[in-house]
Amino acid sequence: MLAYTYLEKGKFELIEKPKPILLHERDAIVKVTLASICSSDLHIKHGSVPRAVPSITVGHEMVGIVEQVGNKVTHVKPGDRVTVNVETFCGECFFCQNGYVNNCTDDNGGWALGCRIDGGQAEYVRVPFADQGLNKIPDGVSDRQALFVGDVLATGYWATRISEIKEEDTVLIIGAGPTGICALLCVMLQKPKRIIMCEKDESLPSFYP
């Protein structure tokens, strides 16, 4: 299969790789139907993510169709359309039990997809802990509509949750791109007194080369 792969600092390449296989009874294999590029992928390209492993298929924002599941996967089955969570997590360690899944202590936990293990800018992806990280897409929702769920919307929701917003607060959101807009929608649910969005004005000269 074709996979967009991190080779070394500054170099990505579309190369042929074997189709992934189940490595654990909690894994699922997902046929990727739509994927997107995150700024974190660009950080890898620029050498700003030391834990990123050369030769890894990048990508952690994707949706697809479950093709195969391990014998301990119970929440999804082959044929299900799913979103894939950016974080893979065991659901059992201290951090998972307390809601901090990005700090999952398992070797395949946290930001693993597209960083330490092969990600989703490919035809297929292996997703560890499938019951934790795959969510079924309702029939009335398109792949394009669901694509933001696993990372962009989740980031906005998480930022809102840990901010402990109260109704008398003023909330500043820096950046009005896709993640900023998702953060705005989640912040609005908390009904703060004031919300300010900050974004650069493209009509003004830049101070940076």
Protein backbone atom coordinates (compact mmCIF):
# COMPACT_ATOMS: atom_id res chain seq x y z
CA MET A 1 0.00 0.00 0.00
CA LEU A 2 1.09 3.62 -0.42
CA ALA A 3 1.98 5.46 2.80
CA TYR A 4 3.21 9.01 3.40
CA THR A 5 6.35 8.43 5.43
CA TYR A 6 8.72 10.47 7.58
CA LEU A 7 12.25 9.60 6.47
CA GLU A 8 14.41 12.23 8.14
CA LYS A 9 14.30 15.89 9.14
CA GLY A 10 12.82 17.86 6.27
CA LYS A 11 11.99 14.80 4.19
CA PHE A 12 8.67 12.99 3.75
CA GLU A 13 8.00 10.59 0.91
CA LEU A 14 5.12 8.53 -0.49
CA ILE A 15 6.41 4.94 -0.44
CA GLU A 16 5.13 1.38 -0.67
CA LYS A 17 4.65 -0.42 2.64
CA PRO A 18 3.05 -3.73 3.62
CA LYS A 19 -0.57 -3.57 4.71
CA PRO A 20 -0.68 -3.53 8.55
CA ILE A 21 -1.74 -6.62 10.47
CA LEU A 22 -3.22 -7.20 13.91
CA LEU A 23 -0.45 -7.32 16.51
CA HIS A 24 -2.60 -7.49 19.63
CA GLU A 25 -6.04 -8.79 20.54
CA ARG A 26 -7.25 -5.23 21.20
CA ASP A 27 -6.16 -3.93 17.77
CA ALA A 28 -8.28 -3.06 14.75
CA ILE A 29 -7.31 -2.59 11.12
CA VAL A 30 -9.08 0.38 9.52
CA LYS A 31 -9.31 1.10 5.79
CA VAL A 32 -8.72 4.85 5.60
CA THR A 33 -11.32 6.72 3.56
CA LEU A 34 -10.30 10.30 4.41
CA ALA A 35 -7.33 11.81 6.23
CA SER A 36 -6.03 15.30 6.90
CA ILE A 37 -2.76 17.02 7.77
CA CYS A 38 -2.16 18.39 11.26
CA SER A 39 0.35 21.08 12.15
CA SER A 40 1.94 18.39 14.34
CA ASP A 41 2.85 16.56 11.12
CA LEU A 42 4.69 19.69 10.01
CA HIS A 43 6.46 19.81 13.38
CA ILE A 44 7.72 16.29 12.68
CA LYS A 45 8.93 17.34 9.24
CA HIS A 46 10.80 20.30 10.73
CA GLY A 47 12.52 18.09 13.31
CA SER A 48 10.62 19.55 16.28
CA VAL A 49 9.31 16.20 17.61
CA PRO A 50 12.32 14.24 18.93
CA ARG A 51 10.24 11.15 19.72
CA ALA A 52 9.04 10.84 16.11
CA VAL A 53 10.55 7.69 14.62
CA PRO A 54 12.09 7.87 11.13
CA SER A 55 10.33 5.54 8.63
CA ILE A 56 6.98 6.04 10.41
CA THR A 57 3.84 6.65 8.36
CA VAL A 58 2.56 10.02 9.51
CA GLY A 59 -1.03 11.07 10.16
CA HIS A 60 -3.36 10.95 13.15
CA GLU A 61 -6.47 12.62 11.72
CA MET A 62 -8.55 10.12 9.74
CA VAL A 63 -11.81 8.27 9.35
CA GLY A 64 -12.42 4.92 7.72
CA ILE A 65 -14.09 1.53 7.70
CA VAL A 66 -13.17 -1.22 10.14
CA GLU A 67 -11.80 -4.18 8.20
CA GLN A 68 -10.57 -6.50 10.93
CA VAL A 69 -10.58 -6.60 14.75
CA GLY A 70 -8.76 -8.53 17.44
CA ASN A 71 -10.66 -11.09 19.49
CA LYS A 72 -10.98 -8.75 22.51
CA VAL A 73 -12.52 -5.85 20.55
CA THR A 74 -16.23 -5.59 21.34
CA HIS A 75 -17.39 -2.03 20.54
CA VAL A 76 -16.77 -2.04 16.78
CA LYS A 77 -16.93 -4.70 14.09
CA PRO A 78 -15.85 -5.09 10.45
CA GLY A 79 -17.90 -2.81 8.22
CA ASP A 80 -18.40 -0.05 10.80
CA ARG A 81 -17.58 3.49 9.69
CA VAL A 82 -15.44 5.07 12.39
CA THR A 83 -13.50 8.09 13.51
CA VAL A 84 -10.00 7.44 14.86
CA ASN A 85 -8.90 9.23 18.02
CA VAL A 86 -5.52 10.97 17.87
CA GLU A 87 -4.68 9.45 21.26
CA THR A 88 -4.45 5.69 21.65
CA PHE A 89 -4.97 4.66 25.26
CA CYS A 90 -5.32 1.52 27.32
CA GLY A 91 -8.12 2.80 29.56
CA GLU A 92 -6.61 1.02 32.56
CA CYS A 93 -3.52 2.90 33.79
CA PHE A 94 -3.60 5.70 36.40
CA PHE A 95 -3.70 8.48 33.78
CA CYS A 96 -6.41 6.84 31.70
CA GLN A 97 -8.52 6.21 34.78
CA ASN A 98 -8.29 9.91 35.65
CA GLY A 99 -9.06 11.22 32.16
CA TYR A 100 -5.53 12.12 31.06
CA VAL A 101 -5.34 9.67 28.18
CA ASN A 102 -2.56 11.61 26.46
CA ASN A 103 -0.30 10.40 29.28
CA CYS A 104 -1.23 6.71 28.93
CA THR A 105 1.73 4.67 30.16
CA ASP A 106 1.37 1.87 27.61
CA ASP A 107 4.08 1.74 24.92
CA ASN A 108 1.36 2.31 22.31
CA GLY A 109 -0.44 4.95 24.37
CA GLY A 110 -0.66 8.72 24.05
CA TRP A 111 0.33 10.30 20.75
CA ALA A 112 1.57 7.16 19.10
CA LEU A 113 -0.21 7.13 15.71
CA GLY A 114 1.90 8.88 13.11
CA CYS A 115 4.68 9.55 15.61
CA ARG A 116 5.94 6.33 17.20
CA ILE A 117 3.82 3.82 15.24
CA ASP A 118 2.49 3.98 11.69
CA GLY A 119 -0.34 6.47 11.27
CA GLY A 120 -3.20 7.09 8.89
CA GLN A 121 -1.89 8.93 5.84
CA ALA A 122 -2.02 5.57 4.11
CA GLU A 123 -4.53 3.10 2.72
CA TYR A 124 -4.81 1.20 6.01
CA VAL A 125 -3.89 1.81 9.63
CA ARG A 126 -3.57 -0.40 12.70
CA VAL A 127 -5.29 1.17 15.70
CA PRO A 128 -4.29 -0.13 19.14
CA PHE A 129 -6.96 -0.23 21.88
CA ALA A 130 -9.70 -0.02 19.26
CA ASP A 131 -12.52 -0.06 21.81
CA GLN A 132 -11.10 3.10 23.37
CA GLY A 133 -10.15 5.06 20.26
CA LEU A 134 -12.70 4.23 17.55
CA ASN A 135 -16.14 5.84 17.45
CA LYS A 136 -18.92 4.81 15.08
CA ILE A 137 -20.03 7.45 12.57
CA PRO A 138 -23.84 7.85 12.41
CA ASP A 139 -25.39 7.08 9.01
CA GLY A 140 -26.40 10.69 8.42
CA VAL A 141 -22.86 12.03 8.93
CA SER A 142 -20.38 12.11 6.04
CA ASP A 143 -16.71 11.24 6.30
CA ARG A 144 -15.86 14.89 5.73
CA GLN A 145 -18.14 15.99 8.56
CA ALA A 146 -16.73 13.35 10.92
CA LEU A 147 -13.06 14.00 10.13
CA PHE A 148 -12.62 16.67 12.83
CA VAL A 149 -13.90 14.46 15.66
CA GLY A 150 -10.72 12.50 16.43
CA ASP A 151 -8.35 15.43 16.86
CA VAL A 152 -9.47 18.96 15.97
CA LEU A 153 -12.81 18.90 17.81
CA ALA A 154 -11.33 16.75 20.58
CA THR A 155 -8.56 19.34 21.07
CA GLY A 156 -11.08 22.16 21.38
CA TYR A 157 -13.18 20.14 23.81
CA TRP A 158 -10.18 19.15 25.94
CA ALA A 159 -8.87 22.73 26.08
CA THR A 160 -12.30 23.88 27.22
CA ARG A 161 -12.58 21.15 29.83
CA ILE A 162 -9.22 21.76 31.51
CA SER A 163 -9.77 25.55 31.48
CA GLU A 164 -12.54 25.20 34.09
CA ILE A 165 -14.51 28.07 32.54
CA LYS A 166 -17.08 29.86 34.71
CA GLU A 167 -19.94 32.11 33.62
CA GLU A 168 -18.22 35.30 34.81
CA ASP A 169 -15.01 34.54 32.88
CA THR A 170 -13.56 36.18 29.78
CA VAL A 171 -12.05 33.56 27.48
CA LEU A 172 -9.31 34.33 24.94
CA ILE A 173 -8.88 31.92 22.02
CA ILE A 174 -5.67 32.49 20.06
CA GLY A 175 -6.09 31.44 16.44
CA ALA A 176 -9.29 31.19 14.39
CA GLY A 177 -8.38 28.21 12.25
CA PRO A 178 -10.24 24.88 12.40
CA THR A 179 -9.02 24.06 15.91
CA GLY A 180 -9.79 27.57 17.14
CA ILE A 181 -13.33 27.40 15.73
CA CYS A 182 -13.90 24.01 17.40
CA ALA A 183 -12.57 25.46 20.66
CA LEU A 184 -14.98 28.39 20.25
CA LEU A 185 -17.97 26.07 19.82
CA CYS A 186 -16.98 24.11 22.92
CA VAL A 187 -16.33 27.27 24.96
CA MET A 188 -19.77 28.61 24.00
CA LEU A 189 -21.32 25.58 25.71
CA GLN A 190 -19.87 26.87 29.00
CA LYS A 191 -21.56 30.30 28.51
CA PRO A 192 -18.74 32.57 29.72
CA LYS A 193 -19.40 36.31 30.04
CA ARG A 194 -17.15 37.19 27.10
CA ILE A 195 -15.22 35.34 24.38
CA ILE A 196 -12.41 37.00 22.43
CA MET A 197 -10.87 35.36 19.35
CA CYS A 198 -7.44 36.56 18.26
CA GLU A 199 -6.18 36.07 14.71
CA LYS A 200 -3.58 37.81 12.57
CA ASP A 201 -4.71 40.27 9.92
CA GLU A 202 -3.43 39.08 6.54
CA SER A 203 -3.68 42.62 5.18
CA LEU A 204 -0.97 43.86 7.55
CA PRO A 205 2.78 43.41 6.92
CA SER A 206 4.43 40.53 8.75
CA PHE A 207 7.27 41.09 11.19
CA TYR A 208 8.65 37.65 10.34
CA PRO A 209 10.43 36.54 7.15
